PDB file of all heavy atoms in Angstrom:
ATOM      1  N   VAL A   1      -4.212   8.778   1.822  1.00  0.00           N
ATOM      2  CA  VAL A   1      -3.653   8.066   2.977  1.00  0.00           C
ATOM      3  C   VAL A   1      -2.628   7.043   2.504  1.00  0.00           C
ATOM      4  O   VAL A   1      -1.537   6.909   3.089  1.00  0.00           O
ATOM      5  CB  VAL A   1      -4.771   7.399   3.798  1.00  0.00           C
ATOM      6  CG1 VAL A   1      -4.178   6.504   4.880  1.00  0.00           C
ATOM      7  CG2 VAL A   1      -5.659   8.463   4.436  1.00  0.00           C
ATOM      8  N   THR A   2      -2.953   6.311   1.436  1.00  0.00           N
ATOM      9  CA  THR A   2      -2.011   5.326   0.901  1.00  0.00           C
ATOM     10  C   THR A   2      -0.732   6.001   0.424  1.00  0.00           C
ATOM     11  O   THR A   2       0.376   5.526   0.681  1.00  0.00           O
ATOM     12  CB  THR A   2      -2.654   4.546  -0.256  1.00  0.00           C
ATOM     13  OG1 THR A   2      -3.784   3.824   0.230  1.00  0.00           O
ATOM     14  CG2 THR A   2      -1.670   3.572  -0.879  1.00  0.00           C
ATOM     15  N   ALA A   3      -0.868   7.133  -0.275  1.00  0.00           N
ATOM     16  CA  ALA A   3       0.306   7.869  -0.755  1.00  0.00           C
ATOM     17  C   ALA A   3       1.169   8.326   0.412  1.00  0.00           C
ATOM     18  O   ALA A   3       2.403   8.263   0.352  1.00  0.00           O
ATOM     19  CB  ALA A   3      -0.140   9.057  -1.598  1.00  0.00           C
ATOM     20  N   THR A   4       0.537   8.787   1.469  1.00  0.00           N
ATOM     21  CA  THR A   4       1.281   9.224   2.652  1.00  0.00           C
ATOM     22  C   THR A   4       2.076   8.077   3.245  1.00  0.00           C
ATOM     23  O   THR A   4       3.252   8.236   3.613  1.00  0.00           O
ATOM     24  CB  THR A   4       0.314   9.798   3.698  1.00  0.00           C
ATOM     25  OG1 THR A   4      -0.393  10.910   3.135  1.00  0.00           O
ATOM     26  CG2 THR A   4       1.059  10.245   4.944  1.00  0.00           C
ATOM     27  N   ALA A   5       1.449   6.918   3.336  1.00  0.00           N
ATOM     28  CA  ALA A   5       2.129   5.750   3.899  1.00  0.00           C
ATOM     29  C   ALA A   5       3.332   5.351   3.053  1.00  0.00           C
ATOM     30  O   ALA A   5       4.429   5.094   3.582  1.00  0.00           O
ATOM     31  CB  ALA A   5       1.146   4.585   4.009  1.00  0.00           C
ATOM     32  N   VAL A   6       3.145   5.312   1.747  1.00  0.00           N
ATOM     33  CA  VAL A   6       4.248   4.924   0.853  1.00  0.00           C
ATOM     34  C   VAL A   6       5.384   5.936   0.952  1.00  0.00           C
ATOM     35  O   VAL A   6       6.560   5.571   1.048  1.00  0.00           O
ATOM     36  CB  VAL A   6       3.741   4.800  -0.595  1.00  0.00           C
ATOM     37  CG1 VAL A   6       4.907   4.601  -1.559  1.00  0.00           C
ATOM     38  CG2 VAL A   6       2.751   3.652  -0.718  1.00  0.00           C
ATOM     39  N   ALA A   7       5.043   7.220   0.921  1.00  0.00           N
ATOM     40  CA  ALA A   7       6.065   8.257   0.994  1.00  0.00           C
ATOM     41  C   ALA A   7       6.822   8.200   2.317  1.00  0.00           C
ATOM     42  O   ALA A   7       8.048   8.373   2.358  1.00  0.00           O
ATOM     43  CB  ALA A   7       5.422   9.629   0.815  1.00  0.00           C
ATOM     44  N   ALA A   8       6.102   7.960   3.413  1.00  0.00           N
ATOM     45  CA  ALA A   8       6.746   7.906   4.725  1.00  0.00           C
ATOM     46  C   ALA A   8       7.683   6.714   4.830  1.00  0.00           C
ATOM     47  O   ALA A   8       8.788   6.818   5.395  1.00  0.00           O
ATOM     48  CB  ALA A   8       5.685   7.851   5.815  1.00  0.00           C
ATOM     49  N   ILE A   9       7.288   5.583   4.296  1.00  0.00           N
ATOM     50  CA  ILE A   9       8.150   4.395   4.345  1.00  0.00           C
ATOM     51  C   ILE A   9       9.397   4.607   3.486  1.00  0.00           C
ATOM     52  O   ILE A   9      10.507   4.212   3.875  1.00  0.00           O
ATOM     53  CB  ILE A   9       7.362   3.147   3.903  1.00  0.00           C
ATOM     54  CG1 ILE A   9       6.366   2.757   5.005  1.00  0.00           C
ATOM     55  CG2 ILE A   9       8.298   1.986   3.601  1.00  0.00           C
ATOM     56  CD1 ILE A   9       5.450   1.627   4.651  1.00  0.00           C
ATOM     57  N   ARG A  10       9.238   5.259   2.334  1.00  0.00           N
ATOM     58  CA  ARG A  10      10.410   5.560   1.503  1.00  0.00           C
ATOM     59  C   ARG A  10      11.381   6.460   2.254  1.00  0.00           C
ATOM     60  O   ARG A  10      12.595   6.252   2.214  1.00  0.00           O
ATOM     61  CB  ARG A  10       9.981   6.218   0.195  1.00  0.00           C
ATOM     62  CG  ARG A  10       9.235   5.303  -0.747  1.00  0.00           C
ATOM     63  CD  ARG A  10       8.929   5.984  -2.069  1.00  0.00           C
ATOM     64  NE  ARG A  10      10.133   6.124  -2.878  1.00  0.00           N
ATOM     65  CZ  ARG A  10      10.683   7.277  -3.230  1.00  0.00           C
ATOM     66  NH1 ARG A  10      10.138   8.420  -2.828  1.00  0.00           N
ATOM     67  NH2 ARG A  10      11.779   7.313  -3.965  1.00  0.00           N
ATOM     68  N   LEU A  11      10.856   7.457   2.936  1.00  0.00           N
ATOM     69  CA  LEU A  11      11.730   8.353   3.685  1.00  0.00           C
ATOM     70  C   LEU A  11      12.372   7.614   4.855  1.00  0.00           C
ATOM     71  O   LEU A  11      13.570   7.794   5.139  1.00  0.00           O
ATOM     72  CB  LEU A  11      10.950   9.567   4.183  1.00  0.00           C
ATOM     73  CG  LEU A  11      11.761  10.580   4.999  1.00  0.00           C
ATOM     74  CD1 LEU A  11      12.956  11.098   4.212  1.00  0.00           C
ATOM     75  CD2 LEU A  11      10.878  11.745   5.442  1.00  0.00           C
ATOM     76  N   ALA A  12      11.604   6.789   5.543  1.00  0.00           N
ATOM     77  CA  ALA A  12      12.156   6.031   6.667  1.00  0.00           C
ATOM     78  C   ALA A  12      13.302   5.131   6.217  1.00  0.00           C
ATOM     79  O   ALA A  12      14.303   4.967   6.930  1.00  0.00           O
ATOM     80  CB  ALA A  12      11.055   5.205   7.326  1.00  0.00           C
ATOM     81  N   THR A  13      13.163   4.539   5.038  1.00  0.00           N
ATOM     82  CA  THR A  13      14.234   3.706   4.497  1.00  0.00           C
ATOM     83  C   THR A  13      15.510   4.509   4.341  1.00  0.00           C
ATOM     84  O   THR A  13      16.602   4.061   4.708  1.00  0.00           O
ATOM     85  CB  THR A  13      13.815   3.116   3.138  1.00  0.00           C
ATOM     86  OG1 THR A  13      12.654   2.298   3.325  1.00  0.00           O
ATOM     87  CG2 THR A  13      14.936   2.286   2.531  1.00  0.00           C
ATOM     88  N   HIS A  14      15.378   5.714   3.812  1.00  0.00           N
ATOM     89  CA  HIS A  14      16.554   6.569   3.678  1.00  0.00           C
ATOM     90  C   HIS A  14      17.140   6.929   5.036  1.00  0.00           C
ATOM     91  O   HIS A  14      18.365   6.926   5.218  1.00  0.00           O
ATOM     92  CB  HIS A  14      16.201   7.856   2.923  1.00  0.00           C
ATOM     93  CG  HIS A  14      17.238   8.920   3.073  1.00  0.00           C
ATOM     94  ND1 HIS A  14      18.486   8.822   2.501  1.00  0.00           N
ATOM     95  CD2 HIS A  14      17.237  10.078   3.784  1.00  0.00           C
ATOM     96  CE1 HIS A  14      19.206   9.877   2.837  1.00  0.00           C
ATOM     97  NE2 HIS A  14      18.473  10.656   3.615  1.00  0.00           N
ATOM     98  N   LEU A  15      16.289   7.237   5.992  1.00  0.00           N
ATOM     99  CA  LEU A  15      16.755   7.665   7.310  1.00  0.00           C
ATOM    100  C   LEU A  15      17.350   6.515   8.122  1.00  0.00           C
ATOM    101  O   LEU A  15      18.017   6.742   9.134  1.00  0.00           O
ATOM    102  CB  LEU A  15      15.597   8.283   8.099  1.00  0.00           C
ATOM    103  CG  LEU A  15      14.984   9.562   7.526  1.00  0.00           C
ATOM    104  CD1 LEU A  15      13.733   9.946   8.327  1.00  0.00           C
ATOM    105  CD2 LEU A  15      15.991  10.704   7.533  1.00  0.00           C
ATOM    106  N   GLY A  16      17.082   5.291   7.698  1.00  0.00           N
ATOM    107  CA  GLY A  16      17.520   4.139   8.472  1.00  0.00           C
ATOM    108  C   GLY A  16      16.618   3.855   9.652  1.00  0.00           C
ATOM    109  O   GLY A  16      17.014   3.159  10.600  1.00  0.00           O
ATOM    110  N   ALA A  17      15.389   4.373   9.611  1.00  0.00           N
ATOM    111  CA  ALA A  17      14.414   4.115  10.667  1.00  0.00           C
ATOM    112  C   ALA A  17      13.780   2.749  10.433  1.00  0.00           C
ATOM    113  O   ALA A  17      13.414   2.405   9.303  1.00  0.00           O
ATOM    114  CB  ALA A  17      13.343   5.197  10.680  1.00  0.00           C
ATOM    115  N   ASP A  18      13.629   1.974  11.486  1.00  0.00           N
ATOM    116  CA  ASP A  18      13.102   0.616  11.364  1.00  0.00           C
ATOM    117  C   ASP A  18      11.613   0.584  11.071  1.00  0.00           C
ATOM    118  O   ASP A  18      11.110  -0.376  10.473  1.00  0.00           O
ATOM    119  CB  ASP A  18      13.365  -0.167  12.660  1.00  0.00           C
ATOM    120  CG  ASP A  18      14.850  -0.336  12.939  1.00  0.00           C
ATOM    121  OD1 ASP A  18      15.624  -0.416  11.958  1.00  0.00           O
ATOM    122  OD2 ASP A  18      15.228  -0.365  14.125  1.00  0.00           O
ATOM    123  N   ARG A  19      10.907   1.615  11.483  1.00  0.00           N
ATOM    124  CA  ARG A  19       9.454   1.570  11.338  1.00  0.00           C
ATOM    125  C   ARG A  19       8.889   2.977  11.247  1.00  0.00           C
ATOM    126  O   ARG A  19       9.542   3.951  11.616  1.00  0.00           O
ATOM    127  CB  ARG A  19       8.811   0.822  12.508  1.00  0.00           C
ATOM    128  CG  ARG A  19       9.052   1.463  13.866  1.00  0.00           C
ATOM    129  CD  ARG A  19       8.668   0.529  15.004  1.00  0.00           C
ATOM    130  NE  ARG A  19       8.720   1.173  16.316  1.00  0.00           N
ATOM    131  CZ  ARG A  19       9.828   1.356  17.009  1.00  0.00           C
ATOM    132  NH1 ARG A  19      10.981   0.948  16.521  1.00  0.00           N
ATOM    133  NH2 ARG A  19       9.778   1.941  18.206  1.00  0.00           N
ATOM    134  N   VAL A  20       7.662   3.046  10.759  1.00  0.00           N
ATOM    135  CA  VAL A  20       6.896   4.286  10.714  1.00  0.00           C
ATOM    136  C   VAL A  20       5.671   4.091  11.583  1.00  0.00           C
ATOM    137  O   VAL A  20       4.983   3.064  11.488  1.00  0.00           O
ATOM    138  CB  VAL A  20       6.467   4.643   9.274  1.00  0.00           C
ATOM    139  CG1 VAL A  20       5.688   5.950   9.259  1.00  0.00           C
ATOM    140  CG2 VAL A  20       7.674   4.716   8.352  1.00  0.00           C
ATOM    141  N   GLU A  21       5.398   5.068  12.434  1.00  0.00           N
ATOM    142  CA  GLU A  21       4.262   4.954  13.344  1.00  0.00           C
ATOM    143  C   GLU A  21       3.366   6.177  13.224  1.00  0.00           C
ATOM    144  O   GLU A  21       3.842   7.297  13.017  1.00  0.00           O
ATOM    145  CB  GLU A  21       4.733   4.808  14.789  1.00  0.00           C
ATOM    146  CG  GLU A  21       5.510   3.530  15.055  1.00  0.00           C
ATOM    147  CD  GLU A  21       5.910   3.395  16.524  1.00  0.00           C
ATOM    148  OE1 GLU A  21       5.549   4.288  17.331  1.00  0.00           O
ATOM    149  OE2 GLU A  21       6.607   2.414  16.848  1.00  0.00           O
ATOM    150  N   ALA A  22       2.075   5.941  13.353  1.00  0.00           N
ATOM    151  CA  ALA A  22       1.095   7.027  13.393  1.00  0.00           C
ATOM    152  C   ALA A  22       0.934   7.481  14.830  1.00  0.00           C
ATOM    153  O   ALA A  22       0.735   6.664  15.732  1.00  0.00           O
ATOM    154  CB  ALA A  22      -0.237   6.555  12.834  1.00  0.00           C
ATOM    155  N   GLY A  23       1.034   8.778  15.059  1.00  0.00           N
ATOM    156  CA  GLY A  23       0.910   9.302  16.417  1.00  0.00           C
ATOM    157  C   GLY A  23      -0.516   9.279  16.931  1.00  0.00           C
ATOM    158  O   GLY A  23      -1.478   9.113  16.173  1.00  0.00           O
ATOM    159  N   ASP A  24      -0.648   9.480  18.211  1.00  0.00           N
ATOM    160  CA  ASP A  24      -1.959   9.426  18.851  1.00  0.00           C
ATOM    161  C   ASP A  24      -2.723  10.738  18.764  1.00  0.00           C
ATOM    162  O   ASP A  24      -3.898  10.790  19.139  1.00  0.00           O
ATOM    163  CB  ASP A  24      -1.801   9.042  20.334  1.00  0.00           C
ATOM    164  CG  ASP A  24      -1.223   7.639  20.509  1.00  0.00           C
ATOM    165  OD1 ASP A  24      -1.494   6.791  19.630  1.00  0.00           O
ATOM    166  OD2 ASP A  24      -0.504   7.415  21.486  1.00  0.00           O
ATOM    167  N   ALA A  25      -2.059  11.804  18.277  1.00  0.00           N
ATOM    168  CA  ALA A  25      -2.717  13.115  18.272  1.00  0.00           C
ATOM    169  C   ALA A  25      -3.735  13.255  17.153  1.00  0.00           C
ATOM    170  O   ALA A  25      -4.649  14.062  17.245  1.00  0.00           O
ATOM    171  CB  ALA A  25      -1.673  14.223  18.158  1.00  0.00           C
ATOM    172  N   MET A  26      -3.592  12.467  16.077  1.00  0.00           N
ATOM    173  CA  MET A  26      -4.525  12.586  14.966  1.00  0.00           C
ATOM    174  C   MET A  26      -5.836  11.864  15.292  1.00  0.00           C
ATOM    175  O   MET A  26      -5.876  10.997  16.181  1.00  0.00           O
ATOM    176  CB  MET A  26      -3.906  12.043  13.676  1.00  0.00           C
ATOM    177  CG  MET A  26      -3.666  10.561  13.627  1.00  0.00           C
ATOM    178  SD  MET A  26      -2.880  10.033  12.067  1.00  0.00           S
ATOM    179  CE  MET A  26      -1.202  10.636  12.296  1.00  0.00           C
ATOM    180  N   PRO A  27      -6.923  12.207  14.598  1.00  0.00           N
ATOM    181  CA  PRO A  27      -8.207  11.536  14.858  1.00  0.00           C
ATOM    182  C   PRO A  27      -8.073  10.028  14.776  1.00  0.00           C
ATOM    183  O   PRO A  27      -7.333   9.493  13.930  1.00  0.00           O
ATOM    184  CB  PRO A  27      -9.105  12.090  13.754  1.00  0.00           C
ATOM    185  CG  PRO A  27      -8.521  13.421  13.420  1.00  0.00           C
ATOM    186  CD  PRO A  27      -7.033  13.254  13.585  1.00  0.00           C
ATOM    187  N   ALA A  28      -8.792   9.331  15.627  1.00  0.00           N
ATOM    188  CA  ALA A  28      -8.641   7.878  15.754  1.00  0.00           C
ATOM    189  C   ALA A  28      -8.926   7.151  14.446  1.00  0.00           C
ATOM    190  O   ALA A  28      -8.220   6.200  14.078  1.00  0.00           O
ATOM    191  CB  ALA A  28      -9.549   7.358  16.866  1.00  0.00           C
ATOM    192  N   ASP A  29      -9.972   7.586  13.719  1.00  0.00           N
ATOM    193  CA  ASP A  29     -10.308   6.889  12.479  1.00  0.00           C
ATOM    194  C   ASP A  29      -9.225   7.089  11.428  1.00  0.00           C
ATOM    195  O   ASP A  29      -8.876   6.153  10.687  1.00  0.00           O
ATOM    196  CB  ASP A  29     -11.666   7.343  11.948  1.00  0.00           C
ATOM    197  CG  ASP A  29     -11.708   8.844  11.685  1.00  0.00           C
ATOM    198  OD1 ASP A  29     -10.895   9.590  12.263  1.00  0.00           O
ATOM    199  OD2 ASP A  29     -12.580   9.276  10.893  1.00  0.00           O
ATOM    200  N   LEU A  30      -8.646   8.291  11.383  1.00  0.00           N
ATOM    201  CA  LEU A  30      -7.576   8.560  10.429  1.00  0.00           C
ATOM    202  C   LEU A  30      -6.326   7.776  10.811  1.00  0.00           C
ATOM    203  O   LEU A  30      -5.628   7.242   9.937  1.00  0.00           O
ATOM    204  CB  LEU A  30      -7.287  10.056  10.375  1.00  0.00           C
ATOM    205  CG  LEU A  30      -6.281  10.530   9.326  1.00  0.00           C
ATOM    206  CD1 LEU A  30      -6.730  10.119   7.930  1.00  0.00           C
ATOM    207  CD2 LEU A  30      -6.106  12.044   9.408  1.00  0.00           C
ATOM    208  N   ALA A  31      -6.025   7.697  12.092  1.00  0.00           N
ATOM    209  CA  ALA A  31      -4.864   6.925  12.541  1.00  0.00           C
ATOM    210  C   ALA A  31      -5.015   5.450  12.167  1.00  0.00           C
ATOM    211  O   ALA A  31      -4.054   4.801  11.746  1.00  0.00           O
ATOM    212  CB  ALA A  31      -4.691   7.088  14.045  1.00  0.00           C
ATOM    213  N   ARG A  32      -6.243   4.911  12.314  1.00  0.00           N
ATOM    214  CA  ARG A  32      -6.471   3.512  11.934  1.00  0.00           C
ATOM    215  C   ARG A  32      -6.227   3.305  10.442  1.00  0.00           C
ATOM    216  O   ARG A  32      -5.594   2.328  10.035  1.00  0.00           O
ATOM    217  CB  ARG A  32      -7.896   3.090  12.301  1.00  0.00           C
ATOM    218  CG  ARG A  32      -8.116   2.813  13.778  1.00  0.00           C
ATOM    219  CD  ARG A  32      -9.423   2.065  14.006  1.00  0.00           C
ATOM    220  NE  ARG A  32     -10.576   2.860  13.556  1.00  0.00           N
ATOM    221  CZ  ARG A  32     -11.228   3.724  14.321  1.00  0.00           C
ATOM    222  NH1 ARG A  32     -10.838   3.915  15.582  1.00  0.00           N
ATOM    223  NH2 ARG A  32     -12.264   4.380  13.862  1.00  0.00           N
ATOM    224  N   GLU A  33      -6.727   4.228   9.643  1.00  0.00           N
ATOM    225  CA  GLU A  33      -6.533   4.111   8.193  1.00  0.00           C
ATOM    226  C   GLU A  33      -5.057   4.191   7.833  1.00  0.00           C
ATOM    227  O   GLU A  33      -4.575   3.443   6.976  1.00  0.00           O
ATOM    228  CB  GLU A  33      -7.309   5.204   7.473  1.00  0.00           C
ATOM    229  CG  GLU A  33      -8.819   5.058   7.542  1.00  0.00           C
ATOM    230  CD  GLU A  33      -9.516   6.230   6.859  1.00  0.00           C
ATOM    231  OE1 GLU A  33      -9.137   6.557   5.715  1.00  0.00           O
ATOM    232  OE2 GLU A  33     -10.430   6.812   7.473  1.00  0.00           O
ATOM    233  N   LEU A  34      -4.357   5.102   8.477  1.00  0.00           N
ATOM    234  CA  LEU A  34      -2.947   5.265   8.177  1.00  0.00           C
ATOM    235  C   LEU A  34      -2.152   4.032   8.604  1.00  0.00           C
ATOM    236  O   LEU A  34      -1.270   3.567   7.870  1.00  0.00           O
ATOM    237  CB  LEU A  34      -2.408   6.522   8.864  1.00  0.00           C
ATOM    238  CG  LEU A  34      -0.922   6.821   8.662  1.00  0.00           C
ATOM    239  CD1 LEU A  34      -0.585   6.942   7.177  1.00  0.00           C
ATOM    240  CD2 LEU A  34      -0.523   8.102   9.397  1.00  0.00           C
ATOM    241  N   ARG A  35      -2.450   3.477   9.759  1.00  0.00           N
ATOM    242  CA  ARG A  35      -1.737   2.277  10.208  1.00  0.00           C
ATOM    243  C   ARG A  35      -1.990   1.091   9.269  1.00  0.00           C
ATOM    244  O   ARG A  35      -1.073   0.323   8.966  1.00  0.00           O
ATOM    245  CB  ARG A  35      -2.153   1.938  11.640  1.00  0.00           C
ATOM    246  CG  ARG A  35      -1.604   2.931  12.664  1.00  0.00           C
ATOM    247  CD  ARG A  35      -2.147   2.715  14.048  1.00  0.00           C
ATOM    248  NE  ARG A  35      -1.669   3.771  14.952  1.00  0.00           N
ATOM    249  CZ  ARG A  35      -2.421   4.438  15.796  1.00  0.00           C
ATOM    250  NH1 ARG A  35      -3.723   4.161  15.895  1.00  0.00           N
ATOM    251  NH2 ARG A  35      -1.908   5.384  16.568  1.00  0.00           N
ATOM    252  N   ALA A  36      -3.232   0.977   8.797  1.00  0.00           N
ATOM    253  CA  ALA A  36      -3.541  -0.087   7.834  1.00  0.00           C
ATOM    254  C   ALA A  36      -2.779   0.133   6.536  1.00  0.00           C
ATOM    255  O   ALA A  36      -2.251  -0.827   5.929  1.00  0.00           O
ATOM    256  CB  ALA A  36      -5.041  -0.147   7.577  1.00  0.00           C
ATOM    257  N   ALA A  37      -2.707   1.379   6.092  1.00  0.00           N
ATOM    258  CA  ALA A  37      -1.973   1.681   4.858  1.00  0.00           C
ATOM    259  C   ALA A  37      -0.481   1.422   5.031  1.00  0.00           C
ATOM    260  O   ALA A  37       0.184   0.963   4.093  1.00  0.00           O
ATOM    261  CB  ALA A  37      -2.219   3.128   4.460  1.00  0.00           C
ATOM    262  N   LEU A  38       0.064   1.724   6.204  1.00  0.00           N
ATOM    263  CA  LEU A  38       1.471   1.449   6.464  1.00  0.00           C
ATOM    264  C   LEU A  38       1.749  -0.056   6.429  1.00  0.00           C
ATOM    265  O   LEU A  38       2.758  -0.493   5.869  1.00  0.00           O
ATOM    266  CB  LEU A  38       1.881   2.038   7.816  1.00  0.00           C
ATOM    267  CG  LEU A  38       1.992   3.560   7.894  1.00  0.00           C
ATOM    268  CD1 LEU A  38       2.089   4.028   9.325  1.00  0.00           C
ATOM    269  CD2 LEU A  38       3.203   4.047   7.090  1.00  0.00           C
ATOM    270  N   ARG A  39       0.858  -0.844   7.004  1.00  0.00           N
ATOM    271  CA  ARG A  39       1.038  -2.301   6.968  1.00  0.00           C
ATOM    272  C   ARG A  39       1.002  -2.805   5.535  1.00  0.00           C
ATOM    273  O   ARG A  39       1.821  -3.646   5.135  1.00  0.00           O
ATOM    274  CB  ARG A  39      -0.030  -2.988   7.816  1.00  0.00           C
ATOM    275  CG  ARG A  39       0.128  -2.784   9.324  1.00  0.00           C
ATOM    276  CD  ARG A  39      -0.762  -3.749  10.093  1.00  0.00           C
ATOM    277  NE  ARG A  39      -2.173  -3.471   9.863  1.00  0.00           N
ATOM    278  CZ  ARG A  39      -2.914  -2.621  10.599  1.00  0.00           C
ATOM    279  NH1 ARG A  39      -2.341  -1.952  11.606  1.00  0.00           N
ATOM    280  NH2 ARG A  39      -4.188  -2.427  10.341  1.00  0.00           N
TER     281      ARG A  39
END
């Protein structure tokens, strides 16, 4: 999960995206973990 967050933020930086967000379709516990890792 941490690796995913780091990789997504690196890609977002390249894309010029201001933020990375976890969608609502994934399981709630996984989304919470991913959002914490993104922060």
